[in-house]
């Protein structure tokens, strides 16, 4: 892989990270981090939050997105 290709790949990854960051900000306001199945424990001034369902949902979405992007690059 030459440097120009590496530069393009890094640029695409950076843009994708920015888009994911923006989506996280907006989806957090819609309640994405508080799905049924996420564990929230509050005791004596301590809060433990384990977003199990949110992590599974994001994993599926990101896997589909990555597979689609890889499929696009293989098509060339």
C-alpha atoms as a PDB file:
ATOM      1  CA  UNK A   1       0.000   0.000   0.000  1.00  0.00           C
ATOM      2  CA  UNK A   2       1.494   3.317  -1.013  1.00  0.00           C
ATOM      3  CA  UNK A   3       1.275   6.481   1.080  1.00  0.00           C
ATOM      4  CA  UNK A   4      -1.488   8.112  -0.960  1.00  0.00           C
ATOM      5  CA  UNK A   5      -3.753   5.098  -0.421  1.00  0.00           C
ATOM      6  CA  UNK A   6      -2.893   5.038   3.275  1.00  0.00           C
ATOM      7  CA  UNK A   7      -3.704   8.753   3.473  1.00  0.00           C
ATOM      8  CA  UNK A   8      -7.115   8.191   1.891  1.00  0.00           C
ATOM      9  CA  UNK A   9      -7.891   5.322   4.239  1.00  0.00           C
ATOM     10  CA  UNK A  10      -6.919   7.402   7.281  1.00  0.00           C
ATOM     11  CA  UNK A  11      -9.008  10.309   6.011  1.00  0.00           C
ATOM     12  CA  UNK A  12     -12.071   8.073   5.560  1.00  0.00           C
ATOM     13  CA  UNK A  13     -11.572   6.605   9.039  1.00  0.00           C
ATOM     14  CA  UNK A  14     -11.331  10.117  10.516  1.00  0.00           C
ATOM     15  CA  UNK A  15     -14.513  11.230   8.768  1.00  0.00           C
ATOM     16  CA  UNK A  16     -16.322   8.094   9.934  1.00  0.00           C
ATOM     17  CA  UNK A  17     -15.215   8.712  13.517  1.00  0.00           C
ATOM     18  CA  UNK A  18     -16.497  12.288  13.338  1.00  0.00           C
ATOM     19  CA  UNK A  19     -19.845  11.077  11.968  1.00  0.00           C
ATOM     20  CA  UNK A  20     -20.105   8.414  14.684  1.00  0.00           C
ATOM     21  CA  UNK A  21     -19.313  11.053  17.306  1.00  0.00           C
ATOM     22  CA  UNK A  22     -22.047  13.335  16.012  1.00  0.00           C
ATOM     23  CA  UNK A  23     -24.506  10.434  15.895  1.00  0.00           C
ATOM     24  CA  UNK A  24     -23.618   9.509  19.476  1.00  0.00           C
ATOM     25  CA  UNK A  25     -24.334  13.055  20.615  1.00  0.00           C
ATOM     26  CA  UNK A  26     -27.709  13.189  18.885  1.00  0.00           C
ATOM     27  CA  UNK A  27     -28.773   9.616  19.676  1.00  0.00           C
ATOM     28  CA  UNK A  28     -27.865  10.124  23.337  1.00  0.00           C
ATOM     29  CA  UNK A  29     -30.451  12.892  23.460  1.00  0.00           C
ATOM     30  CA  UNK A  30     -33.017  10.481  22.000  1.00  0.00           C
ATOM     31  CA  UNK A  31     -32.403   7.917  24.750  1.00  0.00           C
ATOM     32  CA  UNK A  32     -30.086   5.466  22.991  1.00  0.00           C
ATOM     33  CA  UNK A  33     -27.999   4.990  26.137  1.00  0.00           C
ATOM     34  CA  UNK A  34     -31.052   4.037  28.199  1.00  0.00           C
ATOM     35  CA  UNK A  35     -32.456   1.032  26.364  1.00  0.00           C
ATOM     36  CA  UNK A  36     -34.299  -1.770  28.154  1.00  0.00           C
ATOM     37  CA  UNK A  37     -31.681  -4.313  29.167  1.00  0.00           C
ATOM     38  CA  UNK A  38     -29.038  -1.741  30.094  1.00  0.00           C
ATOM     39  CA  UNK A  39     -28.047  -2.201  33.732  1.00  0.00           C
ATOM     40  CA  UNK A  40     -28.078   0.779  36.091  1.00  0.00           C
ATOM     41  CA  UNK A  41     -27.180   0.329  39.769  1.00  0.00           C
ATOM     42  CA  UNK A  42     -27.362   3.294  42.174  1.00  0.00           C
ATOM     43  CA  UNK A  43     -26.240   2.801  45.777  1.00  0.00           C
ATOM     44  CA  UNK A  44     -24.819   5.121  48.438  1.00  0.00           C
ATOM     45  CA  UNK A  45     -23.556   7.808  46.087  1.00  0.00           C
ATOM     46  CA  UNK A  46     -22.113   5.290  43.603  1.00  0.00           C
ATOM     47  CA  UNK A  47     -23.563   4.693  40.166  1.00  0.00           C
ATOM     48  CA  UNK A  48     -22.655   1.725  37.961  1.00  0.00           C
ATOM     49  CA  UNK A  49     -23.934   1.741  34.396  1.00  0.00           C
ATOM     50  CA  UNK A  50     -23.453  -1.224  32.019  1.00  0.00           C
ATOM     51  CA  UNK A  51     -25.072  -0.535  28.616  1.00  0.00           C
ATOM     52  CA  UNK A  52     -25.336  -4.170  27.443  1.00  0.00           C
ATOM     53  CA  UNK A  53     -28.166  -3.751  24.924  1.00  0.00           C
ATOM     54  CA  UNK A  54     -26.773  -0.458  23.646  1.00  0.00           C
ATOM     55  CA  UNK A  55     -23.373  -2.095  23.041  1.00  0.00           C
ATOM     56  CA  UNK A  56     -24.991  -5.020  21.199  1.00  0.00           C
ATOM     57  CA  UNK A  57     -27.054  -2.691  19.018  1.00  0.00           C
ATOM     58  CA  UNK A  58     -24.053  -0.496  18.170  1.00  0.00           C
ATOM     59  CA  UNK A  59     -21.965  -3.585  17.443  1.00  0.00           C
ATOM     60  CA  UNK A  60     -24.511  -4.873  14.933  1.00  0.00           C
ATOM     61  CA  UNK A  61     -24.893  -1.463  13.265  1.00  0.00           C
ATOM     62  CA  UNK A  62     -21.133  -0.875  13.019  1.00  0.00           C
ATOM     63  CA  UNK A  63     -20.527  -4.421  11.735  1.00  0.00           C
ATOM     64  CA  UNK A  64     -23.083  -3.927   8.978  1.00  0.00           C
ATOM     65  CA  UNK A  65     -21.612  -0.531   8.104  1.00  0.00           C
ATOM     66  CA  UNK A  66     -18.050  -1.867   7.991  1.00  0.00           C
ATOM     67  CA  UNK A  67     -19.081  -4.850   5.864  1.00  0.00           C
ATOM     68  CA  UNK A  68     -20.843  -2.492   3.449  1.00  0.00           C
ATOM     69  CA  UNK A  69     -17.758  -0.254   3.205  1.00  0.00           C
ATOM     70  CA  UNK A  70     -15.500  -3.264   2.622  1.00  0.00           C
ATOM     71  CA  UNK A  71     -17.906  -4.545  -0.020  1.00  0.00           C
ATOM     72  CA  UNK A  72     -17.687  -1.184  -1.793  1.00  0.00           C
ATOM     73  CA  UNK A  73     -13.870  -1.263  -1.792  1.00  0.00           C
ATOM     74  CA  UNK A  74     -13.765  -4.870  -3.057  1.00  0.00           C
ATOM     75  CA  UNK A  75     -15.990  -3.934  -5.965  1.00  0.00           C
ATOM     76  CA  UNK A  76     -13.224  -1.842  -7.564  1.00  0.00           C
END
